[in-house]
Amino acid sequence: EATEITLLETHPSLKAVTRISIPGQRVVEGISPIWADLNG
C-alpha cells in the first residue's frame, strides 16, 4: 500500500509539485485517490 500521494506537472517539464506523506504506520488503502471538487 502507498505511504505517499504525489501530484506531478508534465508541462513545460516533468516535475513533482506536491508530495503528501502519510505519517506513522498508516497507508493509503487502495490504488488511486478520487480527485474531485467535494465542497463546490
ModelCIF file with pLDDT and N, C-alpha, C, O atoms, coordinates in Angstrom:
data_MODEL
#
_entry.id   MODEL 
#
_entity.id                         1 
_entity.type                       polymer 
_entity.pdbx_number_of_molecules   1 
#
_entity_poly.entity_id                      1 
_entity_poly.type                           'polypeptide(L)' 
_entity_poly.nstd_linkage                   no 
_entity_poly.nstd_monomer                   no 
_entity_poly.pdbx_seq_one_letter_code       EATEITLLETHPSLKAVTRISIPGQRVVEGISPIWADLNG 
_entity_poly.pdbx_seq_one_letter_code_can   EATEITLLETHPSLKAVTRISIPGQRVVEGISPIWADLNG 
_entity_poly.pdbx_strand_id                 A 
#
loop_
_entity_poly_seq.entity_id 
_entity_poly_seq.num 
_entity_poly_seq.mon_id 
_entity_poly_seq.hetero 
1 1  GLU n 
1 2  ALA n 
1 3  THR n 
1 4  GLU n 
1 5  ILE n 
1 6  THR n 
1 7  LEU n 
1 8  LEU n 
1 9  GLU n 
1 10 THR n 
1 11 HIS n 
1 12 PRO n 
1 13 SER n 
1 14 LEU n 
1 15 LYS n 
1 16 ALA n 
1 17 VAL n 
1 18 THR n 
1 19 ARG n 
1 20 ILE n 
1 21 SER n 
1 22 ILE n 
1 23 PRO n 
1 24 GLY n 
1 25 GLN n 
1 26 ARG n 
1 27 VAL n 
1 28 VAL n 
1 29 GLU n 
1 30 GLY n 
1 31 ILE n 
1 32 SER n 
1 33 PRO n 
1 34 ILE n 
1 35 TRP n 
1 36 ALA n 
1 37 ASP n 
1 38 LEU n 
1 39 ASN n 
1 40 GLY n 
#
_struct_asym.id          A 
_struct_asym.entity_id   1 
#
loop_
_ma_qa_metric.id 
_ma_qa_metric.mode 
_ma_qa_metric.name 
_ma_qa_metric.software_group_id 
_ma_qa_metric.type 
1 global pLDDT . pLDDT 
2 local  pLDDT . pLDDT 
#
_ma_qa_metric_global.metric_id      1 
_ma_qa_metric_global.metric_value   96.62 
_ma_qa_metric_global.model_id       1 
_ma_qa_metric_global.ordinal_id     1 
#
loop_
_ma_qa_metric_local.label_asym_id 
_ma_qa_metric_local.label_comp_id 
_ma_qa_metric_local.label_seq_id 
_ma_qa_metric_local.metric_id 
_ma_qa_metric_local.metric_value 
_ma_qa_metric_local.model_id 
_ma_qa_metric_local.ordinal_id 
A GLU 1  2 97.00 1 1  
A ALA 2  2 98.00 1 2  
A THR 3  2 98.00 1 3  
A GLU 4  2 98.00 1 4  
A ILE 5  2 98.00 1 5  
A THR 6  2 98.00 1 6  
A LEU 7  2 98.00 1 7  
A LEU 8  2 98.00 1 8  
A GLU 9  2 98.00 1 9  
A THR 10 2 96.00 1 10 
A HIS 11 2 90.00 1 11 
A PRO 12 2 90.00 1 12 
A SER 13 2 91.00 1 13 
A LEU 14 2 96.00 1 14 
A LYS 15 2 97.00 1 15 
A ALA 16 2 98.00 1 16 
A VAL 17 2 98.00 1 17 
A THR 18 2 98.00 1 18 
A ARG 19 2 98.00 1 19 
A ILE 20 2 98.00 1 20 
A SER 21 2 98.00 1 21 
A ILE 22 2 97.00 1 22 
A PRO 23 2 93.00 1 23 
A GLY 24 2 93.00 1 24 
A GLN 25 2 94.00 1 25 
A ARG 26 2 97.00 1 26 
A VAL 27 2 98.00 1 27 
A VAL 28 2 98.00 1 28 
A GLU 29 2 98.00 1 29 
A GLY 30 2 97.00 1 30 
A ILE 31 2 98.00 1 31 
A SER 32 2 97.00 1 32 
A PRO 33 2 98.00 1 33 
A ILE 34 2 98.00 1 34 
A TRP 35 2 98.00 1 35 
A ALA 36 2 98.00 1 36 
A ASP 37 2 98.00 1 37 
A LEU 38 2 97.00 1 38 
A ASN 39 2 94.00 1 39 
A GLY 40 2 95.00 1 40 
#
loop_
_atom_site.group_PDB 
_atom_site.id 
_atom_site.type_symbol 
_atom_site.label_atom_id 
_atom_site.label_alt_id 
_atom_site.label_comp_id 
_atom_site.label_asym_id 
_atom_site.label_entity_id 
_atom_site.label_seq_id 
_atom_site.pdbx_PDB_ins_code 
_atom_site.Cartn_x 
_atom_site.Cartn_y 
_atom_site.Cartn_z 
_atom_site.occupancy 
_atom_site.B_iso_or_equiv 
_atom_site.pdbx_formal_charge 
_atom_site.auth_seq_id 
_atom_site.auth_comp_id 
_atom_site.auth_asym_id 
_atom_site.auth_atom_id 
_atom_site.pdbx_PDB_model_num 
ATOM 1   N N  . GLU A 1 1  ? 0.854   -1.188 0.000   1.00 97.00 ? 1  GLU A N  1 
ATOM 2   C CA . GLU A 1 1  ? 0.000   0.000  0.000   1.00 97.00 ? 1  GLU A CA 1 
ATOM 3   C C  . GLU A 1 1  ? 0.888   1.236  0.000   1.00 97.00 ? 1  GLU A C  1 
ATOM 4   O O  . GLU A 1 1  ? 2.019   1.195  0.484   1.00 97.00 ? 1  GLU A O  1 
ATOM 5   N N  . ALA A 1 2  ? 0.376   2.325  -0.539  1.00 98.00 ? 2  ALA A N  1 
ATOM 6   C CA . ALA A 1 2  ? 1.160   3.555  -0.659  1.00 98.00 ? 2  ALA A CA 1 
ATOM 7   C C  . ALA A 1 2  ? 1.263   4.276  0.678   1.00 98.00 ? 2  ALA A C  1 
ATOM 8   O O  . ALA A 1 2  ? 0.360   4.210  1.512   1.00 98.00 ? 2  ALA A O  1 
ATOM 9   N N  . THR A 1 3  ? 2.380   4.963  0.860   1.00 98.00 ? 3  THR A N  1 
ATOM 10  C CA . THR A 1 3  ? 2.559   5.835  2.022   1.00 98.00 ? 3  THR A CA 1 
ATOM 11  C C  . THR A 1 3  ? 2.748   7.288  1.598   1.00 98.00 ? 3  THR A C  1 
ATOM 12  O O  . THR A 1 3  ? 3.136   8.131  2.406   1.00 98.00 ? 3  THR A O  1 
ATOM 13  N N  . GLU A 1 4  ? 2.473   7.575  0.328   1.00 98.00 ? 4  GLU A N  1 
ATOM 14  C CA . GLU A 1 4  ? 2.624   8.938  -0.184  1.00 98.00 ? 4  GLU A CA 1 
ATOM 15  C C  . GLU A 1 4  ? 1.680   9.138  -1.362  1.00 98.00 ? 4  GLU A C  1 
ATOM 16  O O  . GLU A 1 4  ? 1.366   8.200  -2.095  1.00 98.00 ? 4  GLU A O  1 
ATOM 17  N N  . ILE A 1 5  ? 1.234   10.379 -1.528  1.00 98.00 ? 5  ILE A N  1 
ATOM 18  C CA . ILE A 1 5  ? 0.433   10.790 -2.678  1.00 98.00 ? 5  ILE A CA 1 
ATOM 19  C C  . ILE A 1 5  ? 1.235   11.854 -3.422  1.00 98.00 ? 5  ILE A C  1 
ATOM 20  O O  . ILE A 1 5  ? 1.711   12.810 -2.810  1.00 98.00 ? 5  ILE A O  1 
ATOM 21  N N  . THR A 1 6  ? 1.389   11.697 -4.730  1.00 98.00 ? 6  THR A N  1 
ATOM 22  C CA . THR A 1 6  ? 2.240   12.606 -5.497  1.00 98.00 ? 6  THR A CA 1 
ATOM 23  C C  . THR A 1 6  ? 1.455   13.238 -6.643  1.00 98.00 ? 6  THR A C  1 
ATOM 24  O O  . THR A 1 6  ? 0.778   12.549 -7.406  1.00 98.00 ? 6  THR A O  1 
ATOM 25  N N  . LEU A 1 7  ? 1.561   14.567 -6.748  1.00 98.00 ? 7  LEU A N  1 
ATOM 26  C CA . LEU A 1 7  ? 0.970   15.333 -7.847  1.00 98.00 ? 7  LEU A CA 1 
ATOM 27  C C  . LEU A 1 7  ? 2.099   15.858 -8.716  1.00 98.00 ? 7  LEU A C  1 
ATOM 28  O O  . LEU A 1 7  ? 3.035   16.487 -8.221  1.00 98.00 ? 7  LEU A O  1 
ATOM 29  N N  . LEU A 1 8  ? 2.008   15.595 -10.017 1.00 98.00 ? 8  LEU A N  1 
ATOM 30  C CA . LEU A 1 8  ? 3.063   15.950 -10.964 1.00 98.00 ? 8  LEU A CA 1 
ATOM 31  C C  . LEU A 1 8  ? 2.551   16.895 -12.034 1.00 98.00 ? 8  LEU A C  1 
ATOM 32  O O  . LEU A 1 8  ? 1.406   16.789 -12.475 1.00 98.00 ? 8  LEU A O  1 
ATOM 33  N N  . GLU A 1 9  ? 3.393   17.807 -12.444 1.00 98.00 ? 9  GLU A N  1 
ATOM 34  C CA . GLU A 1 9  ? 3.178   18.574 -13.667 1.00 98.00 ? 9  GLU A CA 1 
ATOM 35  C C  . GLU A 1 9  ? 3.920   17.895 -14.807 1.00 98.00 ? 9  GLU A C  1 
ATOM 36  O O  . GLU A 1 9  ? 4.994   17.328 -14.606 1.00 98.00 ? 9  GLU A O  1 
ATOM 37  N N  . THR A 1 10 ? 3.343   17.952 -16.013 1.00 96.00 ? 10 THR A N  1 
ATOM 38  C CA . THR A 1 10 ? 4.038   17.413 -17.188 1.00 96.00 ? 10 THR A CA 1 
ATOM 39  C C  . THR A 1 10 ? 4.419   18.498 -18.185 1.00 96.00 ? 10 THR A C  1 
ATOM 40  O O  . THR A 1 10 ? 5.089   18.216 -19.179 1.00 96.00 ? 10 THR A O  1 
ATOM 41  N N  . HIS A 1 11 ? 4.002   19.736 -17.934 1.00 90.00 ? 11 HIS A N  1 
ATOM 42  C CA . HIS A 1 11 ? 4.362   20.892 -18.765 1.00 90.00 ? 11 HIS A CA 1 
ATOM 43  C C  . HIS A 1 11 ? 4.928   21.995 -17.885 1.00 90.00 ? 11 HIS A C  1 
ATOM 44  O O  . HIS A 1 11 ? 4.416   22.184 -16.781 1.00 90.00 ? 11 HIS A O  1 
ATOM 45  N N  . PRO A 1 12 ? 5.942   22.730 -18.295 1.00 90.00 ? 12 PRO A N  1 
ATOM 46  C CA . PRO A 1 12 ? 6.756   22.516 -19.508 1.00 90.00 ? 12 PRO A CA 1 
ATOM 47  C C  . PRO A 1 12 ? 7.740   21.362 -19.357 1.00 90.00 ? 12 PRO A C  1 
ATOM 48  O O  . PRO A 1 12 ? 8.342   20.915 -20.333 1.00 90.00 ? 12 PRO A O  1 
ATOM 49  N N  . SER A 1 13 ? 7.899   20.878 -18.107 1.00 91.00 ? 13 SER A N  1 
ATOM 50  C CA . SER A 1 13 ? 8.749   19.720 -17.870 1.00 91.00 ? 13 SER A CA 1 
ATOM 51  C C  . SER A 1 13 ? 8.101   18.860 -16.801 1.00 91.00 ? 13 SER A C  1 
ATOM 52  O O  . SER A 1 13 ? 7.172   19.291 -16.119 1.00 91.00 ? 13 SER A O  1 
ATOM 53  N N  . LEU A 1 14 ? 8.592   17.657 -16.664 1.00 96.00 ? 14 LEU A N  1 
ATOM 54  C CA . LEU A 1 14 ? 8.040   16.716 -15.695 1.00 96.00 ? 14 LEU A CA 1 
ATOM 55  C C  . LEU A 1 14 ? 8.643   16.989 -14.322 1.00 96.00 ? 14 LEU A C  1 
ATOM 56  O O  . LEU A 1 14 ? 9.856   16.902 -14.133 1.00 96.00 ? 14 LEU A O  1 
ATOM 57  N N  . LYS A 1 15 ? 7.772   17.323 -13.362 1.00 97.00 ? 15 LYS A N  1 
ATOM 58  C CA . LYS A 1 15 ? 8.267   17.557 -12.005 1.00 97.00 ? 15 LYS A CA 1 
ATOM 59  C C  . LYS A 1 15 ? 7.151   17.338 -10.994 1.00 97.00 ? 15 LYS A C  1 
ATOM 60  O O  . LYS A 1 15 ? 5.970   17.514 -11.292 1.00 97.00 ? 15 LYS A O  1 
ATOM 61  N N  . ALA A 1 16 ? 7.562   16.944 -9.780  1.00 98.00 ? 16 ALA A N  1 
ATOM 62  C CA . ALA A 1 16 ? 6.615   16.777 -8.679  1.00 98.00 ? 16 ALA A CA 1 
ATOM 63  C C  . ALA A 1 16 ? 6.345   18.131 -8.056  1.00 98.00 ? 16 ALA A C  1 
ATOM 64  O O  . ALA A 1 16 ? 7.278   18.861 -7.720  1.00 98.00 ? 16 ALA A O  1 
ATOM 65  N N  . VAL A 1 17 ? 5.062   18.476 -7.899  1.00 98.00 ? 17 VAL A N  1 
ATOM 66  C CA . VAL A 1 17 ? 4.705   19.763 -7.298  1.00 98.00 ? 17 VAL A CA 1 
ATOM 67  C C  . VAL A 1 17 ? 4.150   19.604 -5.893  1.00 98.00 ? 17 VAL A C  1 
ATOM 68  O O  . VAL A 1 17 ? 4.210   20.540 -5.096  1.00 98.00 ? 17 VAL A O  1 
ATOM 69  N N  . THR A 1 18 ? 3.610   18.433 -5.577  1.00 98.00 ? 18 THR A N  1 
ATOM 70  C CA . THR A 1 18 ? 3.105   18.166 -4.234  1.00 98.00 ? 18 THR A CA 1 
ATOM 71  C C  . THR A 1 18 ? 3.392   16.713 -3.878  1.00 98.00 ? 18 THR A C  1 
ATOM 72  O O  . THR A 1 18 ? 3.131   15.804 -4.666  1.00 98.00 ? 18 THR A O  1 
ATOM 73  N N  . ARG A 1 19 ? 3.931   16.508 -2.684  1.00 98.00 ? 19 ARG A N  1 
ATOM 74  C CA . ARG A 1 19 ? 4.091   15.161 -2.132  1.00 98.00 ? 19 ARG A CA 1 
ATOM 75  C C  . ARG A 1 19 ? 3.446   15.161 -0.752  1.00 98.00 ? 19 ARG A C  1 
ATOM 76  O O  . ARG A 1 19 ? 3.851   15.914 0.133   1.00 98.00 ? 19 ARG A O  1 
ATOM 77  N N  . ILE A 1 20 ? 2.450   14.319 -0.579  1.00 98.00 ? 20 ILE A N  1 
ATOM 78  C CA . ILE A 1 20 ? 1.737   14.214 0.691   1.00 98.00 ? 20 ILE A CA 1 
ATOM 79  C C  . ILE A 1 20 ? 2.182   12.928 1.364   1.00 98.00 ? 20 ILE A C  1 
ATOM 80  O O  . ILE A 1 20 ? 1.835   11.836 0.914   1.00 98.00 ? 20 ILE A O  1 
ATOM 81  N N  . SER A 1 21 ? 2.944   13.053 2.433   1.00 98.00 ? 21 SER A N  1 
ATOM 82  C CA . SER A 1 21 ? 3.441   11.892 3.144   1.00 98.00 ? 21 SER A CA 1 
ATOM 83  C C  . SER A 1 21 ? 2.436   11.461 4.205   1.00 98.00 ? 21 SER A C  1 
ATOM 84  O O  . SER A 1 21 ? 1.943   12.293 4.967   1.00 98.00 ? 21 SER A O  1 
ATOM 85  N N  . ILE A 1 22 ? 2.130   10.177 4.261   1.00 97.00 ? 22 ILE A N  1 
ATOM 86  C CA . ILE A 1 22 ? 1.198   9.632  5.241   1.00 97.00 ? 22 ILE A CA 1 
ATOM 87  C C  . ILE A 1 22 ? 1.994   9.265  6.488   1.00 97.00 ? 22 ILE A C  1 
ATOM 88  O O  . ILE A 1 22 ? 2.901   8.437  6.399   1.00 97.00 ? 22 ILE A O  1 
ATOM 89  N N  . PRO A 1 23 ? 1.691   9.850  7.649   1.00 93.00 ? 23 PRO A N  1 
ATOM 90  C CA . PRO A 1 23 ? 2.559   9.683  8.828   1.00 93.00 ? 23 PRO A CA 1 
ATOM 91  C C  . PRO A 1 23 ? 2.414   8.325  9.507   1.00 93.00 ? 23 PRO A C  1 
ATOM 92  O O  . PRO A 1 23 ? 1.419   7.620  9.332   1.00 93.00 ? 23 PRO A O  1 
ATOM 93  N N  . GLY A 1 24 ? 3.441   7.979  10.289  1.00 93.00 ? 24 GLY A N  1 
ATOM 94  C CA . GLY A 1 24 ? 3.399   6.805  11.144  1.00 93.00 ? 24 GLY A CA 1 
ATOM 95  C C  . GLY A 1 24 ? 3.281   5.512  10.366  1.00 93.00 ? 24 GLY A C  1 
ATOM 96  O O  . GLY A 1 24 ? 3.894   5.348  9.311   1.00 93.00 ? 24 GLY A O  1 
ATOM 97  N N  . GLN A 1 25 ? 2.486   4.592  10.898  1.00 94.00 ? 25 GLN A N  1 
ATOM 98  C CA . GLN A 1 25 ? 2.280   3.282  10.280  1.00 94.00 ? 25 GLN A CA 1 
ATOM 99  C C  . GLN A 1 25 ? 1.014   3.244  9.432   1.00 94.00 ? 25 GLN A C  1 
ATOM 100 O O  . GLN A 1 25 ? 0.473   2.171  9.164   1.00 94.00 ? 25 GLN A O  1 
ATOM 101 N N  . ARG A 1 26 ? 0.547   4.400  9.016   1.00 97.00 ? 26 ARG A N  1 
ATOM 102 C CA . ARG A 1 26 ? -0.667  4.478  8.219   1.00 97.00 ? 26 ARG A CA 1 
ATOM 103 C C  . ARG A 1 26 ? -0.341  4.374  6.736   1.00 97.00 ? 26 ARG A C  1 
ATOM 104 O O  . ARG A 1 26 ? 0.772   4.689  6.315   1.00 97.00 ? 26 ARG A O  1 
ATOM 105 N N  . VAL A 1 27 ? -1.316  3.929  5.944   1.00 98.00 ? 27 VAL A N  1 
ATOM 106 C CA . VAL A 1 27 ? -1.143  3.776  4.499   1.00 98.00 ? 27 VAL A CA 1 
ATOM 107 C C  . VAL A 1 27 ? -2.401  4.276  3.788   1.00 98.00 ? 27 VAL A C  1 
ATOM 108 O O  . VAL A 1 27 ? -3.459  4.437  4.396   1.00 98.00 ? 27 VAL A O  1 
ATOM 109 N N  . VAL A 1 28 ? -2.256  4.515  2.496   1.00 98.00 ? 28 VAL A N  1 
ATOM 110 C CA . VAL A 1 28 ? -3.420  4.741  1.638   1.00 98.00 ? 28 VAL A CA 1 
ATOM 111 C C  . VAL A 1 28 ? -3.879  3.376  1.152   1.00 98.00 ? 28 VAL A C  1 
ATOM 112 O O  . VAL A 1 28 ? -3.164  2.710  0.404   1.00 98.00 ? 28 VAL A O  1 
ATOM 113 N N  . GLU A 1 29 ? -5.061  2.958  1.570   1.00 98.00 ? 29 GLU A N  1 
ATOM 114 C CA . GLU A 1 29 ? -5.537  1.616  1.237   1.00 98.00 ? 29 GLU A CA 1 
ATOM 115 C C  . GLU A 1 29 ? -6.416  1.695  -0.009  1.00 98.00 ? 29 GLU A C  1 
ATOM 116 O O  . GLU A 1 29 ? -7.605  2.007  0.062   1.00 98.00 ? 29 GLU A O  1 
ATOM 117 N N  . GLY A 1 30 ? -5.804  1.405  -1.137  1.00 97.00 ? 30 GLY A N  1 
ATOM 118 C CA . GLY A 1 30 ? -6.472  1.494  -2.425  1.00 97.00 ? 30 GLY A CA 1 
ATOM 119 C C  . GLY A 1 30 ? -5.430  1.636  -3.510  1.00 97.00 ? 30 GLY A C  1 
ATOM 120 O O  . GLY A 1 30 ? -4.235  1.508  -3.241  1.00 97.00 ? 30 GLY A O  1 
ATOM 121 N N  . ILE A 1 31 ? -5.864  1.902  -4.742  1.00 98.00 ? 31 ILE A N  1 
ATOM 122 C CA . ILE A 1 31 ? -4.927  2.051  -5.852  1.00 98.00 ? 31 ILE A CA 1 
ATOM 123 C C  . ILE A 1 31 ? -4.975  3.436  -6.486  1.00 98.00 ? 31 ILE A C  1 
ATOM 124 O O  . ILE A 1 31 ? -4.173  3.740  -7.369  1.00 98.00 ? 31 ILE A O  1 
ATOM 125 N N  . SER A 1 32 ? -5.916  4.286  -6.041  1.00 97.00 ? 32 SER A N  1 
ATOM 126 C CA . SER A 1 32 ? -5.941  5.658  -6.536  1.00 97.00 ? 32 SER A CA 1 
ATOM 127 C C  . SER A 1 32 ? -6.797  6.521  -5.621  1.00 97.00 ? 32 SER A C  1 
ATOM 128 O O  . SER A 1 32 ? -7.683  6.013  -4.935  1.00 97.00 ? 32 SER A O  1 
ATOM 129 N N  . PRO A 1 33 ? -6.535  7.823  -5.608  1.00 98.00 ? 33 PRO A N  1 
ATOM 130 C CA . PRO A 1 33 ? -7.471  8.737  -4.945  1.00 98.00 ? 33 PRO A CA 1 
ATOM 131 C C  . PRO A 1 33 ? -8.716  8.946  -5.804  1.00 98.00 ? 33 PRO A C  1 
ATOM 132 O O  . PRO A 1 33 ? -8.819  8.425  -6.914  1.00 98.00 ? 33 PRO A O  1 
ATOM 133 N N  . ILE A 1 34 ? -9.654  9.718  -5.265  1.00 98.00 ? 34 ILE A N  1 
ATOM 134 C CA . ILE A 1 34 ? -10.653 10.412 -6.074  1.00 98.00 ? 34 ILE A CA 1 
ATOM 135 C C  . ILE A 1 34 ? -10.237 11.879 -6.085  1.00 98.00 ? 34 ILE A C  1 
ATOM 136 O O  . ILE A 1 34 ? -10.003 12.475 -5.034  1.00 98.00 ? 34 ILE A O  1 
ATOM 137 N N  . TRP A 1 35 ? -10.149 12.449 -7.271  1.00 98.00 ? 35 TRP A N  1 
ATOM 138 C CA . TRP A 1 35 ? -9.651  13.818 -7.452  1.00 98.00 ? 35 TRP A CA 1 
ATOM 139 C C  . TRP A 1 35 ? -10.834 14.656 -7.934  1.00 98.00 ? 35 TRP A C  1 
ATOM 140 O O  . TRP A 1 35 ? -11.037 14.818 -9.137  1.00 98.00 ? 35 TRP A O  1 
ATOM 141 N N  . ALA A 1 36 ? -11.611 15.186 -6.992  1.00 98.00 ? 36 ALA A N  1 
ATOM 142 C CA . ALA A 1 36 ? -12.882 15.814 -7.347  1.00 98.00 ? 36 ALA A CA 1 
ATOM 143 C C  . ALA A 1 36 ? -13.196 16.962 -6.401  1.00 98.00 ? 36 ALA A C  1 
ATOM 144 O O  . ALA A 1 36 ? -12.688 17.017 -5.281  1.00 98.00 ? 36 ALA A O  1 
ATOM 145 N N  . ASP A 1 37 ? -14.033 17.870 -6.861  1.00 98.00 ? 37 ASP A N  1 
ATOM 146 C CA . ASP A 1 37 ? -14.478 19.006 -6.055  1.00 98.00 ? 37 ASP A CA 1 
ATOM 147 C C  . ASP A 1 37 ? -15.585 18.538 -5.120  1.00 98.00 ? 37 ASP A C  1 
ATOM 148 O O  . ASP A 1 37 ? -16.711 18.291 -5.551  1.00 98.00 ? 37 ASP A O  1 
ATOM 149 N N  . LEU A 1 38 ? -15.255 18.418 -3.837  1.00 97.00 ? 38 LEU A N  1 
ATOM 150 C CA . LEU A 1 38 ? -16.204 17.883 -2.867  1.00 97.00 ? 38 LEU A CA 1 
ATOM 151 C C  . LEU A 1 38 ? -17.010 18.973 -2.166  1.00 97.00 ? 38 LEU A C  1 
ATOM 152 O O  . LEU A 1 38 ? -18.084 18.695 -1.632  1.00 97.00 ? 38 LEU A O  1 
ATOM 153 N N  . ASN A 1 39 ? -16.508 20.213 -2.161  1.00 94.00 ? 39 ASN A N  1 
ATOM 154 C CA . ASN A 1 39 ? -17.222 21.274 -1.432  1.00 94.00 ? 39 ASN A CA 1 
ATOM 155 C C  . ASN A 1 39 ? -17.810 22.349 -2.343  1.00 94.00 ? 39 ASN A C  1 
ATOM 156 O O  . ASN A 1 39 ? -18.353 23.338 -1.852  1.00 94.00 ? 39 ASN A O  1 
ATOM 157 N N  . GLY A 1 40 ? -17.710 22.173 -3.670  1.00 95.00 ? 40 GLY A N  1 
ATOM 158 C CA . GLY A 1 40 ? -18.353 23.097 -4.597  1.00 95.00 ? 40 GLY A CA 1 
ATOM 159 C C  . GLY A 1 40 ? -17.654 24.428 -4.773  1.00 95.00 ? 40 GLY A C  1 
ATOM 160 O O  . GLY A 1 40 ? -18.121 25.275 -5.535  1.00 95.00 ? 40 GLY A O  1 
#
